[in-house]
């Protein structure tokens, strides 16, 4: 689990801590793992399909960044 959290964190690096569910799945973040991370408040939902890792600086407009990530997929 820690390895997957690290991998998700690597993806969020340079994206203001935001990660799409598709990006998380690409590094092994299954729906069950993402739900566990949500329940334990390691990640938080921003938009449907986009989460933010806790612990980093919050972007000024997280929903705007999240929409851009979804468009880039």
PDB file of N, CA and C in Angstrom:
ATOM      1  N   UNK A   1       0.828  -1.204   0.000  1.00  0.00           N
ATOM      2  CA  UNK A   1       0.000   0.000   0.000  1.00  0.00           C
ATOM      3  C   UNK A   1       0.867   1.260   0.000  1.00  0.00           C
ATOM      4  N   UNK A   2       1.932   1.267   0.818  1.00  0.00           N
ATOM      5  CA  UNK A   2       2.782   2.457   0.852  1.00  0.00           C
ATOM      6  C   UNK A   2       3.443   2.712  -0.487  1.00  0.00           C
ATOM      7  N   UNK A   3       3.779   1.649  -1.192  1.00  0.00           N
ATOM      8  CA  UNK A   3       4.386   1.796  -2.507  1.00  0.00           C
ATOM      9  C   UNK A   3       3.410   2.476  -3.482  1.00  0.00           C
ATOM     10  N   UNK A   4       2.147   2.092  -3.403  1.00  0.00           N
ATOM     11  CA  UNK A   4       1.136   2.694  -4.281  1.00  0.00           C
ATOM     12  C   UNK A   4       0.917   4.156  -3.912  1.00  0.00           C
ATOM     13  N   UNK A   5       0.889   4.459  -2.612  1.00  0.00           N
ATOM     14  CA  UNK A   5       0.745   5.859  -2.191  1.00  0.00           C
ATOM     15  C   UNK A   5       1.910   6.678  -2.733  1.00  0.00           C
ATOM     16  N   UNK A   6       3.119   6.131  -2.655  1.00  0.00           N
ATOM     17  CA  UNK A   6       4.286   6.819  -3.193  1.00  0.00           C
ATOM     18  C   UNK A   6       4.178   7.030  -4.688  1.00  0.00           C
ATOM     19  N   UNK A   7       3.687   6.021  -5.390  1.00  0.00           N
ATOM     20  CA  UNK A   7       3.534   6.131  -6.843  1.00  0.00           C
ATOM     21  C   UNK A   7       2.483   7.171  -7.205  1.00  0.00           C
ATOM     22  N   UNK A   8       1.384   7.189  -6.462  1.00  0.00           N
ATOM     23  CA  UNK A   8       0.346   8.201  -6.704  1.00  0.00           C
ATOM     24  C   UNK A   8       0.919   9.593  -6.415  1.00  0.00           C
ATOM     25  N   UNK A   9       1.722   9.694  -5.351  1.00  0.00           N
ATOM     26  CA  UNK A   9       2.370  10.965  -5.031  1.00  0.00           C
ATOM     27  C   UNK A   9       3.309  11.425  -6.126  1.00  0.00           C
ATOM     28  N   UNK A  10       4.033  10.464  -6.717  1.00  0.00           N
ATOM     29  CA  UNK A  10       4.927  10.808  -7.826  1.00  0.00           C
ATOM     30  C   UNK A  10       4.137  11.378  -8.996  1.00  0.00           C
ATOM     31  N   UNK A  11       2.979  10.801  -9.274  1.00  0.00           N
ATOM     32  CA  UNK A  11       2.137  11.299 -10.371  1.00  0.00           C
ATOM     33  C   UNK A  11       1.655  12.711 -10.056  1.00  0.00           C
ATOM     34  N   UNK A  12       1.272  12.950  -8.810  1.00  0.00           N
ATOM     35  CA  UNK A  12       0.752  14.262  -8.419  1.00  0.00           C
ATOM     36  C   UNK A  12       1.809  15.345  -8.344  1.00  0.00           C
ATOM     37  N   UNK A  13       3.078  14.947  -8.289  1.00  0.00           N
ATOM     38  CA  UNK A  13       4.176  15.913  -8.267  1.00  0.00           C
ATOM     39  C   UNK A  13       4.117  16.737  -9.556  1.00  0.00           C
ATOM     40  N   UNK A  14       4.118  18.028  -9.436  1.00  0.00           N
ATOM     41  CA  UNK A  14       4.056  18.879 -10.617  1.00  0.00           C
ATOM     42  C   UNK A  14       2.638  19.110 -11.119  1.00  0.00           C
ATOM     43  N   UNK A  15       1.657  18.511 -10.442  1.00  0.00           N
ATOM     44  CA  UNK A  15       0.243  18.703 -10.807  1.00  0.00           C
ATOM     45  C   UNK A  15      -0.525  19.252  -9.613  1.00  0.00           C
ATOM     46  N   UNK A  16       0.178  19.986  -8.760  1.00  0.00           N
ATOM     47  CA  UNK A  16      -0.416  20.574  -7.562  1.00  0.00           C
ATOM     48  C   UNK A  16      -1.031  19.511  -6.650  1.00  0.00           C
ATOM     49  N   UNK A  17      -0.460  18.306  -6.664  1.00  0.00           N
ATOM     50  CA  UNK A  17      -0.964  17.224  -5.816  1.00  0.00           C
ATOM     51  C   UNK A  17      -2.218  16.561  -6.332  1.00  0.00           C
ATOM     52  N   UNK A  18      -2.656  16.953  -7.518  1.00  0.00           N
ATOM     53  CA  UNK A  18      -3.884  16.401  -8.092  1.00  0.00           C
ATOM     54  C   UNK A  18      -3.562  15.202  -8.978  1.00  0.00           C
ATOM     55  N   UNK A  19      -4.428  14.183  -8.898  1.00  0.00           N
ATOM     56  CA  UNK A  19      -4.255  12.960  -9.666  1.00  0.00           C
ATOM     57  C   UNK A  19      -5.622  12.508 -10.156  1.00  0.00           C
ATOM     58  N   UNK A  20      -5.695  12.142 -11.421  1.00  0.00           N
ATOM     59  CA  UNK A  20      -6.957  11.590 -11.919  1.00  0.00           C
ATOM     60  C   UNK A  20      -7.045  10.125 -11.504  1.00  0.00           C
ATOM     61  N   UNK A  21      -8.253   9.610 -11.453  1.00  0.00           N
ATOM     62  CA  UNK A  21      -8.434   8.201 -11.116  1.00  0.00           C
ATOM     63  C   UNK A  21      -7.755   7.313 -12.157  1.00  0.00           C
ATOM     64  N   UNK A  22      -7.750   7.739 -13.398  1.00  0.00           N
ATOM     65  CA  UNK A  22      -7.081   6.976 -14.458  1.00  0.00           C
ATOM     66  C   UNK A  22      -5.569   6.937 -14.220  1.00  0.00           C
ATOM     67  N   UNK A  23      -4.995   8.066 -13.821  1.00  0.00           N
ATOM     68  CA  UNK A  23      -3.565   8.097 -13.522  1.00  0.00           C
ATOM     69  C   UNK A  23      -3.243   7.201 -12.325  1.00  0.00           C
ATOM     70  N   UNK A  24      -4.093   7.249 -11.301  1.00  0.00           N
ATOM     71  CA  UNK A  24      -3.885   6.405 -10.121  1.00  0.00           C
ATOM     72  C   UNK A  24      -3.983   4.924 -10.488  1.00  0.00           C
ATOM     73  N   UNK A  25      -4.936   4.584 -11.334  1.00  0.00           N
ATOM     74  CA  UNK A  25      -5.097   3.188 -11.754  1.00  0.00           C
ATOM     75  C   UNK A  25      -3.875   2.702 -12.523  1.00  0.00           C
ATOM     76  N   UNK A  26      -3.256   3.588 -13.278  1.00  0.00           N
ATOM     77  CA  UNK A  26      -2.085   3.218 -14.070  1.00  0.00           C
ATOM     78  C   UNK A  26      -0.892   2.816 -13.200  1.00  0.00           C
ATOM     79  N   UNK A  27      -0.882   3.263 -11.945  1.00  0.00           N
ATOM     80  CA  UNK A  27       0.211   2.905 -11.033  1.00  0.00           C
ATOM     81  C   UNK A  27      -0.242   1.931  -9.952  1.00  0.00           C
ATOM     82  N   UNK A  28      -1.401   1.293 -10.169  1.00  0.00           N
ATOM     83  CA  UNK A  28      -1.867   0.261  -9.247  1.00  0.00           C
ATOM     84  C   UNK A  28      -2.915   0.698  -8.253  1.00  0.00           C
ATOM     85  N   UNK A  29      -3.424   1.901  -8.371  1.00  0.00           N
ATOM     86  CA  UNK A  29      -4.442   2.405  -7.449  1.00  0.00           C
ATOM     87  C   UNK A  29      -5.830   1.928  -7.843  1.00  0.00           C
ATOM     88  N   UNK A  30      -6.215   0.767  -7.356  1.00  0.00           N
ATOM     89  CA  UNK A  30      -7.540   0.229  -7.662  1.00  0.00           C
ATOM     90  C   UNK A  30      -8.619   1.071  -6.997  1.00  0.00           C
ATOM     91  N   UNK A  31      -9.858   0.850  -7.380  1.00  0.00           N
ATOM     92  CA  UNK A  31     -10.984   1.573  -6.769  1.00  0.00           C
ATOM     93  C   UNK A  31     -11.026   1.319  -5.265  1.00  0.00           C
ATOM     94  N   UNK A  32     -10.750   0.086  -4.852  1.00  0.00           N
ATOM     95  CA  UNK A  32     -10.768  -0.247  -3.416  1.00  0.00           C
ATOM     96  C   UNK A  32      -9.665   0.499  -2.670  1.00  0.00           C
ATOM     97  N   UNK A  33      -8.489   0.581  -3.273  1.00  0.00           N
ATOM     98  CA  UNK A  33      -7.380   1.301  -2.633  1.00  0.00           C
ATOM     99  C   UNK A  33      -7.705   2.786  -2.544  1.00  0.00           C
ATOM    100  N   UNK A  34      -8.235   3.351  -3.622  1.00  0.00           N
ATOM    101  CA  UNK A  34      -8.595   4.772  -3.585  1.00  0.00           C
ATOM    102  C   UNK A  34      -9.652   5.049  -2.524  1.00  0.00           C
ATOM    103  N   UNK A  35     -10.614   4.150  -2.379  1.00  0.00           N
ATOM    104  CA  UNK A  35     -11.636   4.334  -1.348  1.00  0.00           C
ATOM    105  C   UNK A  35     -11.016   4.291   0.046  1.00  0.00           C
ATOM    106  N   UNK A  36     -10.078   3.371   0.250  1.00  0.00           N
ATOM    107  CA  UNK A  36      -9.393   3.293   1.544  1.00  0.00           C
ATOM    108  C   UNK A  36      -8.599   4.571   1.817  1.00  0.00           C
ATOM    109  N   UNK A  37      -7.955   5.107   0.790  1.00  0.00           N
ATOM    110  CA  UNK A  37      -7.210   6.353   0.957  1.00  0.00           C
ATOM    111  C   UNK A  37      -8.143   7.526   1.224  1.00  0.00           C
ATOM    112  N   UNK A  38      -9.309   7.535   0.590  1.00  0.00           N
ATOM    113  CA  UNK A  38     -10.319   8.561   0.874  1.00  0.00           C
ATOM    114  C   UNK A  38     -10.811   8.451   2.312  1.00  0.00           C
ATOM    115  N   UNK A  39     -11.137   7.213   2.729  1.00  0.00           N
ATOM    116  CA  UNK A  39     -11.649   6.996   4.087  1.00  0.00           C
ATOM    117  C   UNK A  39     -10.634   7.407   5.149  1.00  0.00           C
ATOM    118  N   UNK A  40      -9.349   7.199   4.864  1.00  0.00           N
ATOM    119  CA  UNK A  40      -8.310   7.535   5.841  1.00  0.00           C
ATOM    120  C   UNK A  40      -7.789   8.964   5.665  1.00  0.00           C
ATOM    121  N   UNK A  41      -8.387   9.698   4.741  1.00  0.00           N
ATOM    122  CA  UNK A  41      -8.084  11.108   4.498  1.00  0.00           C
ATOM    123  C   UNK A  41      -6.661  11.349   3.995  1.00  0.00           C
ATOM    124  N   UNK A  42      -6.107  10.366   3.290  1.00  0.00           N
ATOM    125  CA  UNK A  42      -4.822  10.550   2.627  1.00  0.00           C
ATOM    126  C   UNK A  42      -5.039  11.344   1.343  1.00  0.00           C
ATOM    127  N   UNK A  43      -6.189  11.130   0.709  1.00  0.00           N
ATOM    128  CA  UNK A  43      -6.577  11.883  -0.476  1.00  0.00           C
ATOM    129  C   UNK A  43      -7.965  12.462  -0.240  1.00  0.00           C
ATOM    130  N   UNK A  44      -8.304  13.476  -1.024  1.00  0.00           N
ATOM    131  CA  UNK A  44      -9.641  14.060  -0.935  1.00  0.00           C
ATOM    132  C   UNK A  44     -10.176  14.280  -2.348  1.00  0.00           C
ATOM    133  N   UNK A  45     -11.491  14.157  -2.525  1.00  0.00           N
ATOM    134  CA  UNK A  45     -12.048  14.398  -3.858  1.00  0.00           C
ATOM    135  C   UNK A  45     -12.024  15.882  -4.197  1.00  0.00           C
ATOM    136  N   UNK A  46     -11.762  16.176  -5.456  1.00  0.00           N
ATOM    137  CA  UNK A  46     -11.800  17.558  -5.946  1.00  0.00           C
ATOM    138  C   UNK A  46     -12.946  17.692  -6.933  1.00  0.00           C
ATOM    139  N   UNK A  47     -12.961  16.833  -7.910  1.00  0.00           N
ATOM    140  CA  UNK A  47     -14.021  16.713  -8.910  1.00  0.00           C
ATOM    141  C   UNK A  47     -14.242  15.226  -9.134  1.00  0.00           C
ATOM    142  N   UNK A  48     -15.371  14.831  -9.701  1.00  0.00           N
ATOM    143  CA  UNK A  48     -15.511  13.417 -10.048  1.00  0.00           C
ATOM    144  C   UNK A  48     -14.350  12.990 -10.963  1.00  0.00           C
ATOM    145  N   UNK A  49     -13.613  11.990 -10.519  1.00  0.00           N
ATOM    146  CA  UNK A  49     -12.489  11.492 -11.296  1.00  0.00           C
ATOM    147  C   UNK A  49     -11.152  12.107 -10.958  1.00  0.00           C
ATOM    148  N   UNK A  50     -11.116  13.062 -10.006  1.00  0.00           N
ATOM    149  CA  UNK A  50      -9.858  13.711  -9.622  1.00  0.00           C
ATOM    150  C   UNK A  50      -9.790  13.799  -8.097  1.00  0.00           C
ATOM    151  N   UNK A  51      -8.630  13.432  -7.556  1.00  0.00           N
ATOM    152  CA  UNK A  51      -8.393  13.535  -6.117  1.00  0.00           C
ATOM    153  C   UNK A  51      -7.154  14.382  -5.875  1.00  0.00           C
ATOM    154  N   UNK A  52      -7.004  14.844  -4.636  1.00  0.00           N
ATOM    155  CA  UNK A  52      -5.828  15.621  -4.232  1.00  0.00           C
ATOM    156  C   UNK A  52      -5.193  14.944  -3.043  1.00  0.00           C
ATOM    157  N   UNK A  53      -3.888  14.832  -3.072  1.00  0.00           N
ATOM    158  CA  UNK A  53      -3.153  14.274  -1.941  1.00  0.00           C
ATOM    159  C   UNK A  53      -3.063  15.304  -0.829  1.00  0.00           C
ATOM    160  N   UNK A  54      -3.328  14.888   0.389  1.00  0.00           N
ATOM    161  CA  UNK A  54      -3.166  15.785   1.535  1.00  0.00           C
ATOM    162  C   UNK A  54      -1.685  15.984   1.808  1.00  0.00           C
ATOM    163  N   UNK A  55      -1.350  17.065   2.447  1.00  0.00           N
ATOM    164  CA  UNK A  55       0.006  17.283   2.906  1.00  0.00           C
ATOM    165  C   UNK A  55       0.779  18.321   2.113  1.00  0.00           C
ATOM    166  N   UNK A  56       0.345  18.612   0.930  1.00  0.00           N
ATOM    167  CA  UNK A  56       1.023  19.625   0.126  1.00  0.00           C
ATOM    168  C   UNK A  56       0.259  20.935   0.158  1.00  0.00           C
ATOM    169  N   UNK A  57       0.841  21.913  -0.468  1.00  0.00           N
ATOM    170  CA  UNK A  57       0.156  23.197  -0.570  1.00  0.00           C
ATOM    171  C   UNK A  57      -1.078  23.043  -1.443  1.00  0.00           C
ATOM    172  N   UNK A  58      -2.129  23.722  -1.069  1.00  0.00           N
ATOM    173  CA  UNK A  58      -3.353  23.682  -1.870  1.00  0.00           C
ATOM    174  C   UNK A  58      -3.248  24.691  -3.004  1.00  0.00           C
ATOM    175  N   UNK A  59      -3.589  24.257  -4.214  1.00  0.00           N
ATOM    176  CA  UNK A  59      -3.596  25.238  -5.301  1.00  0.00           C
ATOM    177  C   UNK A  59      -4.698  26.264  -5.062  1.00  0.00           C
ATOM    178  N   UNK A  60      -4.517  27.441  -5.611  1.00  0.00           N
ATOM    179  CA  UNK A  60      -5.501  28.503  -5.438  1.00  0.00           C
ATOM    180  C   UNK A  60      -6.850  28.118  -6.021  1.00  0.00           C
ATOM    181  N   UNK A  61      -6.843  27.462  -7.154  1.00  0.00           N
ATOM    182  CA  UNK A  61      -8.070  27.061  -7.825  1.00  0.00           C
ATOM    183  C   UNK A  61      -8.029  25.557  -8.130  1.00  0.00           C
ATOM    184  N   UNK A  62      -8.206  24.712  -7.101  1.00  0.00           N
ATOM    185  CA  UNK A  62      -8.048  23.266  -7.320  1.00  0.00           C
ATOM    186  C   UNK A  62      -9.013  22.692  -8.350  1.00  0.00           C
ATOM    187  N   UNK A  63     -10.229  23.188  -8.401  1.00  0.00           N
ATOM    188  CA  UNK A  63     -11.190  22.658  -9.374  1.00  0.00           C
ATOM    189  C   UNK A  63     -10.781  23.005 -10.803  1.00  0.00           C
ATOM    190  N   UNK A  64     -10.209  24.169 -10.994  1.00  0.00           N
ATOM    191  CA  UNK A  64      -9.728  24.570 -12.314  1.00  0.00           C
ATOM    192  C   UNK A  64      -8.580  23.658 -12.760  1.00  0.00           C
ATOM    193  N   UNK A  65      -7.627  23.415 -11.862  1.00  0.00           N
ATOM    194  CA  UNK A  65      -6.532  22.495 -12.170  1.00  0.00           C
ATOM    195  C   UNK A  65      -7.071  21.100 -12.473  1.00  0.00           C
ATOM    196  N   UNK A  66      -8.048  20.660 -11.692  1.00  0.00           N
ATOM    197  CA  UNK A  66      -8.619  19.327 -11.879  1.00  0.00           C
ATOM    198  C   UNK A  66      -9.297  19.210 -13.240  1.00  0.00           C
ATOM    199  N   UNK A  67     -10.032  20.229 -13.627  1.00  0.00           N
ATOM    200  CA  UNK A  67     -10.678  20.203 -14.940  1.00  0.00           C
ATOM    201  C   UNK A  67      -9.645  20.124 -16.050  1.00  0.00           C
ATOM    202  N   UNK A  68      -8.535  20.835 -15.887  1.00  0.00           N
ATOM    203  CA  UNK A  68      -7.470  20.800 -16.888  1.00  0.00           C
ATOM    204  C   UNK A  68      -6.862  19.391 -16.996  1.00  0.00           C
ATOM    205  N   UNK A  69      -6.679  18.731 -15.856  1.00  0.00           N
ATOM    206  CA  UNK A  69      -6.157  17.358 -15.875  1.00  0.00           C
ATOM    207  C   UNK A  69      -7.083  16.442 -16.648  1.00  0.00           C
ATOM    208  N   UNK A  70      -8.369  16.562 -16.409  1.00  0.00           N
ATOM    209  CA  UNK A  70      -9.333  15.704 -17.095  1.00  0.00           C
ATOM    210  C   UNK A  70      -9.329  15.980 -18.596  1.00  0.00           C
ATOM    211  N   UNK A  71      -9.180  17.229 -18.977  1.00  0.00           N
ATOM    212  CA  UNK A  71      -9.144  17.564 -20.397  1.00  0.00           C
ATOM    213  C   UNK A  71      -7.895  17.018 -21.077  1.00  0.00           C
ATOM    214  N   UNK A  72      -6.801  16.953 -20.334  1.00  0.00           N
ATOM    215  CA  UNK A  72      -5.541  16.478 -20.904  1.00  0.00           C
ATOM    216  C   UNK A  72      -5.480  14.966 -21.064  1.00  0.00           C
ATOM    217  N   UNK A  73      -6.409  14.254 -20.446  1.00  0.00           N
ATOM    218  CA  UNK A  73      -6.391  12.782 -20.546  1.00  0.00           C
ATOM    219  C   UNK A  73      -6.812  12.312 -21.898  1.00  0.00           C
TER     220      UNK A  73
END
